[in-house]
Amino acid sequence: MHTLAAWNGGPGPWILFFPLIWAAVVIGVAGVLRRTVWRGRRGPWRMVDDPRPSGDSPLAVLGRRFASGEIDEDEYWRRLSVLDEQFGRKGGAA
């Protein structure tokens, strides 16, 4: 009876490379998925017209300045109304 790892007629020690090849394939697929799909909103398909203020938009800067205490509430609402007129924010200020 011949075994798979026998040198005479069988695949020999090359049979040990098949698990390594499958491990490389699985790691490669996981790496590609991690860099693309699993990134979530940071991927290249992010919506451009995101209604939330982000980055250095004027509304985001104003909100950060108010949150850090640089400006008071009256100044915040005054500047927000100017930004609403200028940029036409949907929904208006509450």
PDB file of N, CA and C in Angstrom:
ATOM      1  N   MET A   1       0.847  -1.181   0.000  1.00  0.00           N
ATOM      2  CA  MET A   1       0.000   0.000   0.000  1.00  0.00           C
ATOM      3  C   MET A   1       0.890   1.241   0.000  1.00  0.00           C
ATOM      4  N   HIS A   2       0.579   2.160  -0.904  1.00  0.00           N
ATOM      5  CA  HIS A   2       1.376   3.381  -1.016  1.00  0.00           C
ATOM      6  C   HIS A   2       0.691   4.515  -0.248  1.00  0.00           C
ATOM      7  N   THR A   3       1.502   5.351   0.361  1.00  0.00           N
ATOM      8  CA  THR A   3       0.975   6.533   1.043  1.00  0.00           C
ATOM      9  C   THR A   3       1.212   7.751   0.163  1.00  0.00           C
ATOM     10  N   LEU A   4       0.503   8.834   0.450  1.00  0.00           N
ATOM     11  CA  LEU A   4       0.641  10.040  -0.366  1.00  0.00           C
ATOM     12  C   LEU A   4       2.029  10.655  -0.254  1.00  0.00           C
ATOM     13  N   ALA A   5       2.671  10.534   0.887  1.00  0.00           N
ATOM     14  CA  ALA A   5       3.972  11.156   1.074  1.00  0.00           C
ATOM     15  C   ALA A   5       5.120  10.242   0.661  1.00  0.00           C
ATOM     16  N   ALA A   6       4.831   9.100   0.089  1.00  0.00           N
ATOM     17  CA  ALA A   6       5.900   8.189  -0.321  1.00  0.00           C
ATOM     18  C   ALA A   6       6.625   8.768  -1.541  1.00  0.00           C
ATOM     19  N   TRP A   7       7.910   8.586  -1.589  1.00  0.00           N
ATOM     20  CA  TRP A   7       8.714   9.151  -2.664  1.00  0.00           C
ATOM     21  C   TRP A   7       8.569   8.367  -3.954  1.00  0.00           C
ATOM     22  N   ASN A   8       8.298   7.092  -3.897  1.00  0.00           N
ATOM     23  CA  ASN A   8       8.221   6.270  -5.100  1.00  0.00           C
ATOM     24  C   ASN A   8       6.817   6.330  -5.712  1.00  0.00           C
ATOM     25  N   GLY A   9       6.636   7.217  -6.665  1.00  0.00           N
ATOM     26  CA  GLY A   9       5.374   7.303  -7.380  1.00  0.00           C
ATOM     27  C   GLY A   9       4.367   8.285  -6.806  1.00  0.00           C
ATOM     28  N   GLY A  10       4.484   8.676  -5.541  1.00  0.00           N
ATOM     29  CA  GLY A  10       3.549   9.616  -4.929  1.00  0.00           C
ATOM     30  C   GLY A  10       4.048  11.041  -5.075  1.00  0.00           C
ATOM     31  N   PRO A  11       3.318  11.995  -4.542  1.00  0.00           N
ATOM     32  CA  PRO A  11       3.722  13.400  -4.671  1.00  0.00           C
ATOM     33  C   PRO A  11       4.962  13.747  -3.849  1.00  0.00           C
ATOM     34  N   GLY A  12       5.322  12.922  -2.921  1.00  0.00           N
ATOM     35  CA  GLY A  12       6.525  13.154  -2.138  1.00  0.00           C
ATOM     36  C   GLY A  12       6.368  14.332  -1.192  1.00  0.00           C
ATOM     37  N   PRO A  13       7.462  15.018  -0.888  1.00  0.00           N
ATOM     38  CA  PRO A  13       7.401  16.128   0.070  1.00  0.00           C
ATOM     39  C   PRO A  13       6.669  17.358  -0.460  1.00  0.00           C
ATOM     40  N   TRP A  14       6.366  17.382  -1.775  1.00  0.00           N
ATOM     41  CA  TRP A  14       5.648  18.525  -2.338  1.00  0.00           C
ATOM     42  C   TRP A  14       4.240  18.653  -1.779  1.00  0.00           C
ATOM     43  N   ILE A  15       3.703  17.596  -1.209  1.00  0.00           N
ATOM     44  CA  ILE A  15       2.361  17.633  -0.634  1.00  0.00           C
ATOM     45  C   ILE A  15       2.287  18.639   0.516  1.00  0.00           C
ATOM     46  N   LEU A  16       3.424  18.944   1.120  1.00  0.00           N
ATOM     47  CA  LEU A  16       3.446  19.886   2.235  1.00  0.00           C
ATOM     48  C   LEU A  16       3.278  21.336   1.782  1.00  0.00           C
ATOM     49  N   PHE A  17       3.487  21.630   0.494  1.00  0.00           N
ATOM     50  CA  PHE A  17       3.356  22.996   0.016  1.00  0.00           C
ATOM     51  C   PHE A  17       1.906  23.405  -0.233  1.00  0.00           C
ATOM     52  N   PHE A  18       0.996  22.470  -0.400  1.00  0.00           N
ATOM     53  CA  PHE A  18      -0.402  22.812  -0.652  1.00  0.00           C
ATOM     54  C   PHE A  18      -1.035  23.580   0.506  1.00  0.00           C
ATOM     55  N   PRO A  19      -0.837  23.203   1.765  1.00  0.00           N
ATOM     56  CA  PRO A  19      -1.388  24.043   2.853  1.00  0.00           C
ATOM     57  C   PRO A  19      -0.763  25.439   2.873  1.00  0.00           C
ATOM     58  N   LEU A  20       0.501  25.550   2.515  1.00  0.00           N
ATOM     59  CA  LEU A  20       1.137  26.869   2.474  1.00  0.00           C
ATOM     60  C   LEU A  20       0.542  27.747   1.367  1.00  0.00           C
ATOM     61  N   ILE A  21       0.254  27.123   0.239  1.00  0.00           N
ATOM     62  CA  ILE A  21      -0.353  27.872  -0.860  1.00  0.00           C
ATOM     63  C   ILE A  21      -1.748  28.358  -0.457  1.00  0.00           C
ATOM     64  N   TRP A  22      -2.547  27.486   0.170  1.00  0.00           N
ATOM     65  CA  TRP A  22      -3.881  27.899   0.605  1.00  0.00           C
ATOM     66  C   TRP A  22      -3.813  28.978   1.688  1.00  0.00           C
ATOM     67  N   ALA A  23      -2.849  28.875   2.578  1.00  0.00           N
ATOM     68  CA  ALA A  23      -2.690  29.916   3.605  1.00  0.00           C
ATOM     69  C   ALA A  23      -2.354  31.252   2.950  1.00  0.00           C
ATOM     70  N   ALA A  24      -1.500  31.241   1.935  1.00  0.00           N
ATOM     71  CA  ALA A  24      -1.153  32.482   1.224  1.00  0.00           C
ATOM     72  C   ALA A  24      -2.374  33.062   0.512  1.00  0.00           C
ATOM     73  N   VAL A  25      -3.202  32.215  -0.070  1.00  0.00           N
ATOM     74  CA  VAL A  25      -4.411  32.687  -0.742  1.00  0.00           C
ATOM     75  C   VAL A  25      -5.372  33.320   0.268  1.00  0.00           C
ATOM     76  N   VAL A  26      -5.580  32.678   1.402  1.00  0.00           N
ATOM     77  CA  VAL A  26      -6.498  33.203   2.419  1.00  0.00           C
ATOM     78  C   VAL A  26      -5.983  34.532   2.974  1.00  0.00           C
ATOM     79  N   ILE A  27      -4.692  34.609   3.247  1.00  0.00           N
ATOM     80  CA  ILE A  27      -4.112  35.853   3.761  1.00  0.00           C
ATOM     81  C   ILE A  27      -4.210  36.953   2.709  1.00  0.00           C
ATOM     82  N   GLY A  28      -3.994  36.614   1.453  1.00  0.00           N
ATOM     83  CA  GLY A  28      -4.116  37.608   0.387  1.00  0.00           C
ATOM     84  C   GLY A  28      -5.521  38.147   0.240  1.00  0.00           C
ATOM     85  N   VAL A  29      -6.506  37.266   0.274  1.00  0.00           N
ATOM     86  CA  VAL A  29      -7.901  37.705   0.167  1.00  0.00           C
ATOM     87  C   VAL A  29      -8.287  38.562   1.369  1.00  0.00           C
ATOM     88  N   ALA A  30      -7.868  38.154   2.557  1.00  0.00           N
ATOM     89  CA  ALA A  30      -8.176  38.956   3.754  1.00  0.00           C
ATOM     90  C   ALA A  30      -7.505  40.325   3.667  1.00  0.00           C
ATOM     91  N   GLY A  31      -6.298  40.386   3.145  1.00  0.00           N
ATOM     92  CA  GLY A  31      -5.620  41.680   2.989  1.00  0.00           C
ATOM     93  C   GLY A  31      -6.326  42.585   2.002  1.00  0.00           C
ATOM     94  N   VAL A  32      -6.780  42.028   0.886  1.00  0.00           N
ATOM     95  CA  VAL A  32      -7.506  42.836  -0.097  1.00  0.00           C
ATOM     96  C   VAL A  32      -8.829  43.326   0.480  1.00  0.00           C
ATOM     97  N   LEU A  33      -9.551  42.448   1.174  1.00  0.00           N
ATOM     98  CA  LEU A  33     -10.817  42.867   1.783  1.00  0.00           C
ATOM     99  C   LEU A  33     -10.602  43.928   2.852  1.00  0.00           C
ATOM    100  N   ARG A  34      -9.539  43.788   3.617  1.00  0.00           N
ATOM    101  CA  ARG A  34      -9.268  44.760   4.675  1.00  0.00           C
ATOM    102  C   ARG A  34      -8.964  46.129   4.089  1.00  0.00           C
ATOM    103  N   ARG A  35      -8.284  46.166   2.959  1.00  0.00           N
ATOM    104  CA  ARG A  35      -7.917  47.445   2.354  1.00  0.00           C
ATOM    105  C   ARG A  35      -9.050  48.076   1.563  1.00  0.00           C
ATOM    106  N   THR A  36     -10.069  47.322   1.186  1.00  0.00           N
ATOM    107  CA  THR A  36     -11.141  47.885   0.366  1.00  0.00           C
ATOM    108  C   THR A  36     -12.482  47.854   1.079  1.00  0.00           C
ATOM    109  N   VAL A  37     -13.102  46.710   1.169  1.00  0.00           N
ATOM    110  CA  VAL A  37     -14.482  46.599   1.641  1.00  0.00           C
ATOM    111  C   VAL A  37     -14.608  46.920   3.121  1.00  0.00           C
ATOM    112  N   TRP A  38     -13.730  46.380   3.948  1.00  0.00           N
ATOM    113  CA  TRP A  38     -13.873  46.539   5.398  1.00  0.00           C
ATOM    114  C   TRP A  38     -13.470  47.914   5.885  1.00  0.00           C
ATOM    115  N   ARG A  39     -13.003  48.793   5.025  1.00  0.00           N
ATOM    116  CA  ARG A  39     -12.665  50.150   5.445  1.00  0.00           C
ATOM    117  C   ARG A  39     -13.897  50.976   5.741  1.00  0.00           C
ATOM    118  N   GLY A  40     -15.004  50.608   5.191  1.00  0.00           N
ATOM    119  CA  GLY A  40     -16.245  51.331   5.449  1.00  0.00           C
ATOM    120  C   GLY A  40     -16.292  52.625   4.665  1.00  0.00           C
ATOM    121  N   ARG A  41     -16.613  53.713   5.320  1.00  0.00           N
ATOM    122  CA  ARG A  41     -16.804  54.998   4.656  1.00  0.00           C
ATOM    123  C   ARG A  41     -15.516  55.638   4.188  1.00  0.00           C
ATOM    124  N   ARG A  42     -14.381  55.118   4.607  1.00  0.00           N
ATOM    125  CA  ARG A  42     -13.123  55.712   4.171  1.00  0.00           C
ATOM    126  C   ARG A  42     -12.721  55.256   2.775  1.00  0.00           C
ATOM    127  N   GLY A  43     -13.480  54.361   2.184  1.00  0.00           N
ATOM    128  CA  GLY A  43     -13.157  53.834   0.872  1.00  0.00           C
ATOM    129  C   GLY A  43     -13.387  54.858  -0.227  1.00  0.00           C
ATOM    130  N   PRO A  44     -13.016  54.525  -1.461  1.00  0.00           N
ATOM    131  CA  PRO A  44     -13.146  55.472  -2.563  1.00  0.00           C
ATOM    132  C   PRO A  44     -14.584  55.721  -2.980  1.00  0.00           C
ATOM    133  N   TRP A  45     -15.545  54.943  -2.478  1.00  0.00           N
ATOM    134  CA  TRP A  45     -16.937  55.096  -2.866  1.00  0.00           C
ATOM    135  C   TRP A  45     -17.705  55.979  -1.891  1.00  0.00           C
ATOM    136  N   ARG A  46     -17.022  56.739  -1.062  1.00  0.00           N
ATOM    137  CA  ARG A  46     -17.681  57.599  -0.082  1.00  0.00           C
ATOM    138  C   ARG A  46     -18.535  58.641  -0.792  1.00  0.00           C
ATOM    139  N   MET A  47     -19.731  58.877  -0.256  1.00  0.00           N
ATOM    140  CA  MET A  47     -20.633  59.841  -0.872  1.00  0.00           C
ATOM    141  C   MET A  47     -20.055  61.242  -0.760  1.00  0.00           C
ATOM    142  N   VAL A  48     -20.123  61.985  -1.856  1.00  0.00           N
ATOM    143  CA  VAL A  48     -19.566  63.333  -1.872  1.00  0.00           C
ATOM    144  C   VAL A  48     -20.498  64.312  -1.171  1.00  0.00           C
ATOM    145  N   ASP A  49     -21.795  64.138  -1.333  1.00  0.00           N
ATOM    146  CA  ASP A  49     -22.762  65.062  -0.745  1.00  0.00           C
ATOM    147  C   ASP A  49     -23.199  64.624   0.646  1.00  0.00           C
ATOM    148  N   ASP A  50     -22.226  64.292   1.497  1.00  0.00           N
ATOM    149  CA  ASP A  50     -22.506  63.883   2.878  1.00  0.00           C
ATOM    150  C   ASP A  50     -23.033  65.099   3.638  1.00  0.00           C
ATOM    151  N   PRO A  51     -24.237  65.030   4.225  1.00  0.00           N
ATOM    152  CA  PRO A  51     -24.818  66.207   4.871  1.00  0.00           C
ATOM    153  C   PRO A  51     -24.122  66.596   6.177  1.00  0.00           C
ATOM    154  N   ARG A  52     -23.347  65.678   6.766  1.00  0.00           N
ATOM    155  CA  ARG A  52     -22.684  66.006   8.023  1.00  0.00           C
ATOM    156  C   ARG A  52     -21.450  66.852   7.765  1.00  0.00           C
ATOM    157  N   PRO A  53     -21.196  67.880   8.590  1.00  0.00           N
ATOM    158  CA  PRO A  53     -19.979  68.667   8.417  1.00  0.00           C
ATOM    159  C   PRO A  53     -18.750  67.844   8.781  1.00  0.00           C
ATOM    160  N   SER A  54     -17.745  67.896   7.945  1.00  0.00           N
ATOM    161  CA  SER A  54     -16.534  67.141   8.213  1.00  0.00           C
ATOM    162  C   SER A  54     -15.330  67.934   7.740  1.00  0.00           C
ATOM    163  N   GLY A  55     -14.176  67.584   8.260  1.00  0.00           N
ATOM    164  CA  GLY A  55     -12.937  68.220   7.821  1.00  0.00           C
ATOM    165  C   GLY A  55     -12.870  69.668   8.240  1.00  0.00           C
ATOM    166  N   ASP A  56     -12.534  70.530   7.297  1.00  0.00           N
ATOM    167  CA  ASP A  56     -12.382  71.948   7.574  1.00  0.00           C
ATOM    168  C   ASP A  56     -13.515  72.774   6.976  1.00  0.00           C
ATOM    169  N   SER A  57     -14.705  72.195   6.895  1.00  0.00           N
ATOM    170  CA  SER A  57     -15.841  72.967   6.396  1.00  0.00           C
ATOM    171  C   SER A  57     -16.137  74.090   7.395  1.00  0.00           C
ATOM    172  N   PRO A  58     -16.727  75.168   6.928  1.00  0.00           N
ATOM    173  CA  PRO A  58     -17.011  76.291   7.835  1.00  0.00           C
ATOM    174  C   PRO A  58     -17.908  75.902   9.016  1.00  0.00           C
ATOM    175  N   LEU A  59     -18.882  75.033   8.775  1.00  0.00           N
ATOM    176  CA  LEU A  59     -19.757  74.610   9.868  1.00  0.00           C
ATOM    177  C   LEU A  59     -19.002  73.778  10.900  1.00  0.00           C
ATOM    178  N   ALA A  60     -18.093  72.925  10.428  1.00  0.00           N
ATOM    179  CA  ALA A  60     -17.311  72.107  11.352  1.00  0.00           C
ATOM    180  C   ALA A  60     -16.369  72.971  12.181  1.00  0.00           C
ATOM    181  N   VAL A  61     -15.746  73.956  11.542  1.00  0.00           N
ATOM    182  CA  VAL A  61     -14.840  74.853  12.270  1.00  0.00           C
ATOM    183  C   VAL A  61     -15.613  75.650  13.307  1.00  0.00           C
ATOM    184  N   LEU A  62     -16.788  76.143  12.915  1.00  0.00           N
ATOM    185  CA  LEU A  62     -17.620  76.900  13.852  1.00  0.00           C
ATOM    186  C   LEU A  62     -18.037  76.028  15.033  1.00  0.00           C
ATOM    187  N   GLY A  63     -18.429  74.796  14.751  1.00  0.00           N
ATOM    188  CA  GLY A  63     -18.820  73.890  15.833  1.00  0.00           C
ATOM    189  C   GLY A  63     -17.669  73.579  16.776  1.00  0.00           C
ATOM    190  N   ARG A  64     -16.472  73.386  16.219  1.00  0.00           N
ATOM    191  CA  ARG A  64     -15.298  73.120  17.069  1.00  0.00           C
ATOM    192  C   ARG A  64     -14.944  74.334  17.922  1.00  0.00           C
ATOM    193  N   ARG A  65     -15.042  75.523  17.349  1.00  0.00           N
ATOM    194  CA  ARG A  65     -14.725  76.722  18.129  1.00  0.00           C
ATOM    195  C   ARG A  65     -15.714  76.928  19.264  1.00  0.00           C
ATOM    196  N   PHE A  66     -17.000  76.635  19.004  1.00  0.00           N
ATOM    197  CA  PHE A  66     -18.008  76.758  20.053  1.00  0.00           C
ATOM    198  C   PHE A  66     -17.781  75.703  21.134  1.00  0.00           C
ATOM    199  N   ALA A  67     -17.467  74.482  20.716  1.00  0.00           N
ATOM    200  CA  ALA A  67     -17.258  73.398  21.675  1.00  0.00           C
ATOM    201  C   ALA A  67     -16.027  73.642  22.540  1.00  0.00           C
ATOM    202  N   SER A  68     -15.006  74.273  21.983  1.00  0.00           N
ATOM    203  CA  SER A  68     -13.785  74.510  22.764  1.00  0.00           C
ATOM    204  C   SER A  68     -13.889  75.757  23.629  1.00  0.00           C
ATOM    205  N   GLY A  69     -14.944  76.560  23.452  1.00  0.00           N
ATOM    206  CA  GLY A  69     -15.123  77.732  24.289  1.00  0.00           C
ATOM    207  C   GLY A  69     -14.510  79.000  23.726  1.00  0.00           C
ATOM    208  N   GLU A  70     -14.047  78.980  22.491  1.00  0.00           N
ATOM    209  CA  GLU A  70     -13.463  80.181  21.873  1.00  0.00           C
ATOM    210  C   GLU A  70     -14.521  81.250  21.643  1.00  0.00           C
ATOM    211  N   ILE A  71     -15.755  80.826  21.320  1.00  0.00           N
ATOM    212  CA  ILE A  71     -16.847  81.775  21.097  1.00  0.00           C
ATOM    213  C   ILE A  71     -18.016  81.385  21.989  1.00  0.00           C
ATOM    214  N   ASP A  72     -18.839  82.376  22.332  1.00  0.00           N
ATOM    215  CA  ASP A  72     -19.991  82.088  23.179  1.00  0.00           C
ATOM    216  C   ASP A  72     -21.202  81.721  22.313  1.00  0.00           C
ATOM    217  N   GLU A  73     -22.321  81.449  22.992  1.00  0.00           N
ATOM    218  CA  GLU A  73     -23.500  80.965  22.283  1.00  0.00           C
ATOM    219  C   GLU A  73     -24.076  82.009  21.333  1.00  0.00           C
ATOM    220  N   ASP A  74     -24.106  83.259  21.765  1.00  0.00           N
ATOM    221  CA  ASP A  74     -24.640  84.319  20.899  1.00  0.00           C
ATOM    222  C   ASP A  74     -23.809  84.447  19.629  1.00  0.00           C
ATOM    223  N   GLU A  75     -22.492  84.421  19.773  1.00  0.00           N
ATOM    224  CA  GLU A  75     -21.595  84.508  18.620  1.00  0.00           C
ATOM    225  C   GLU A  75     -21.791  83.298  17.703  1.00  0.00           C
ATOM    226  N   TYR A  76     -21.973  82.116  18.300  1.00  0.00           N
ATOM    227  CA  TYR A  76     -22.186  80.897  17.520  1.00  0.00           C
ATOM    228  C   TYR A  76     -23.435  81.015  16.651  1.00  0.00           C
ATOM    229  N   TRP A  77     -24.562  81.429  17.270  1.00  0.00           N
ATOM    230  CA  TRP A  77     -25.810  81.504  16.512  1.00  0.00           C
ATOM    231  C   TRP A  77     -25.752  82.609  15.456  1.00  0.00           C
ATOM    232  N   ARG A  78     -25.084  83.707  15.750  1.00  0.00           N
ATOM    233  CA  ARG A  78     -24.952  84.798  14.776  1.00  0.00           C
ATOM    234  C   ARG A  78     -24.166  84.321  13.557  1.00  0.00           C
ATOM    235  N   ARG A  79     -23.044  83.660  13.801  1.00  0.00           N
ATOM    236  CA  ARG A  79     -22.221  83.174  12.688  1.00  0.00           C
ATOM    237  C   ARG A  79     -22.905  82.026  11.945  1.00  0.00           C
ATOM    238  N   LEU A  80     -23.650  81.205  12.672  1.00  0.00           N
ATOM    239  CA  LEU A  80     -24.365  80.119  12.021  1.00  0.00           C
ATOM    240  C   LEU A  80     -25.430  80.650  11.064  1.00  0.00           C
ATOM    241  N   SER A  81     -26.123  81.720  11.459  1.00  0.00           N
ATOM    242  CA  SER A  81     -27.136  82.295  10.565  1.00  0.00           C
ATOM    243  C   SER A  81     -26.489  82.874   9.306  1.00  0.00           C
ATOM    244  N   VAL A  82     -25.305  83.458   9.442  1.00  0.00           N
ATOM    245  CA  VAL A  82     -24.593  83.978   8.273  1.00  0.00           C
ATOM    246  C   VAL A  82     -24.185  82.824   7.355  1.00  0.00           C
ATOM    247  N   LEU A  83     -23.692  81.747   7.948  1.00  0.00           N
ATOM    248  CA  LEU A  83     -23.299  80.592   7.139  1.00  0.00           C
ATOM    249  C   LEU A  83     -24.508  79.944   6.467  1.00  0.00           C
ATOM    250  N   ASP A  84     -25.659  79.937   7.147  1.00  0.00           N
ATOM    251  CA  ASP A  84     -26.874  79.392   6.541  1.00  0.00           C
ATOM    252  C   ASP A  84     -27.268  80.202   5.310  1.00  0.00           C
ATOM    253  N   GLU A  85     -27.140  81.528   5.400  1.00  0.00           N
ATOM    254  CA  GLU A  85     -27.463  82.373   4.254  1.00  0.00           C
ATOM    255  C   GLU A  85     -26.470  82.141   3.120  1.00  0.00           C
ATOM    256  N   GLN A  86     -25.208  81.999   3.464  1.00  0.00           N
ATOM    257  CA  GLN A  86     -24.169  81.892   2.452  1.00  0.00           C
ATOM    258  C   GLN A  86     -24.155  80.536   1.775  1.00  0.00           C
ATOM    259  N   PHE A  87     -24.251  79.466   2.555  1.00  0.00           N
ATOM    260  CA  PHE A  87     -24.112  78.120   2.015  1.00  0.00           C
ATOM    261  C   PHE A  87     -25.457  77.423   1.814  1.00  0.00           C
ATOM    262  N   GLY A  88     -26.550  78.001   2.297  1.00  0.00           N
ATOM    263  CA  GLY A  88     -27.869  77.423   2.105  1.00  0.00           C
ATOM    264  C   GLY A  88     -28.020  76.037   2.707  1.00  0.00           C
ATOM    265  N   ARG A  89     -27.668  75.909   3.967  1.00  0.00           N
ATOM    266  CA  ARG A  89     -27.763  74.611   4.644  1.00  0.00           C
ATOM    267  C   ARG A  89     -29.226  74.168   4.673  1.00  0.00           C
ATOM    268  N   LYS A  90     -29.467  72.904   4.340  1.00  0.00           N
ATOM    269  CA  LYS A  90     -30.828  72.378   4.314  1.00  0.00           C
ATOM    270  C   LYS A  90     -31.327  72.121   5.723  1.00  0.00           C
ATOM    271  N   GLY A  91     -32.589  72.388   5.965  1.00  0.00           N
ATOM    272  CA  GLY A  91     -33.173  72.101   7.260  1.00  0.00           C
ATOM    273  C   GLY A  91     -33.153  73.312   8.196  1.00  0.00           C
ATOM    274  N   GLY A  92     -32.249  74.241   8.011  1.00  0.00           N
ATOM    275  CA  GLY A  92     -32.190  75.436   8.844  1.00  0.00           C
ATOM    276  C   GLY A  92     -31.699  75.155  10.233  1.00  0.00           C
ATOM    277  N   ALA A  93     -31.437  76.220  10.971  1.00  0.00           N
ATOM    278  CA  ALA A  93     -30.951  76.083  12.343  1.00  0.00           C
ATOM    279  C   ALA A  93     -32.133  75.955  13.285  1.00  0.00           C
ATOM    280  N   ALA A  94     -31.993  75.171  14.313  1.00  0.00           N
ATOM    281  CA  ALA A  94     -33.087  74.977  15.266  1.00  0.00           C
ATOM    282  C   ALA A  94     -33.054  76.017  16.338  1.00  0.00           C
TER     283      ALA A  94
END
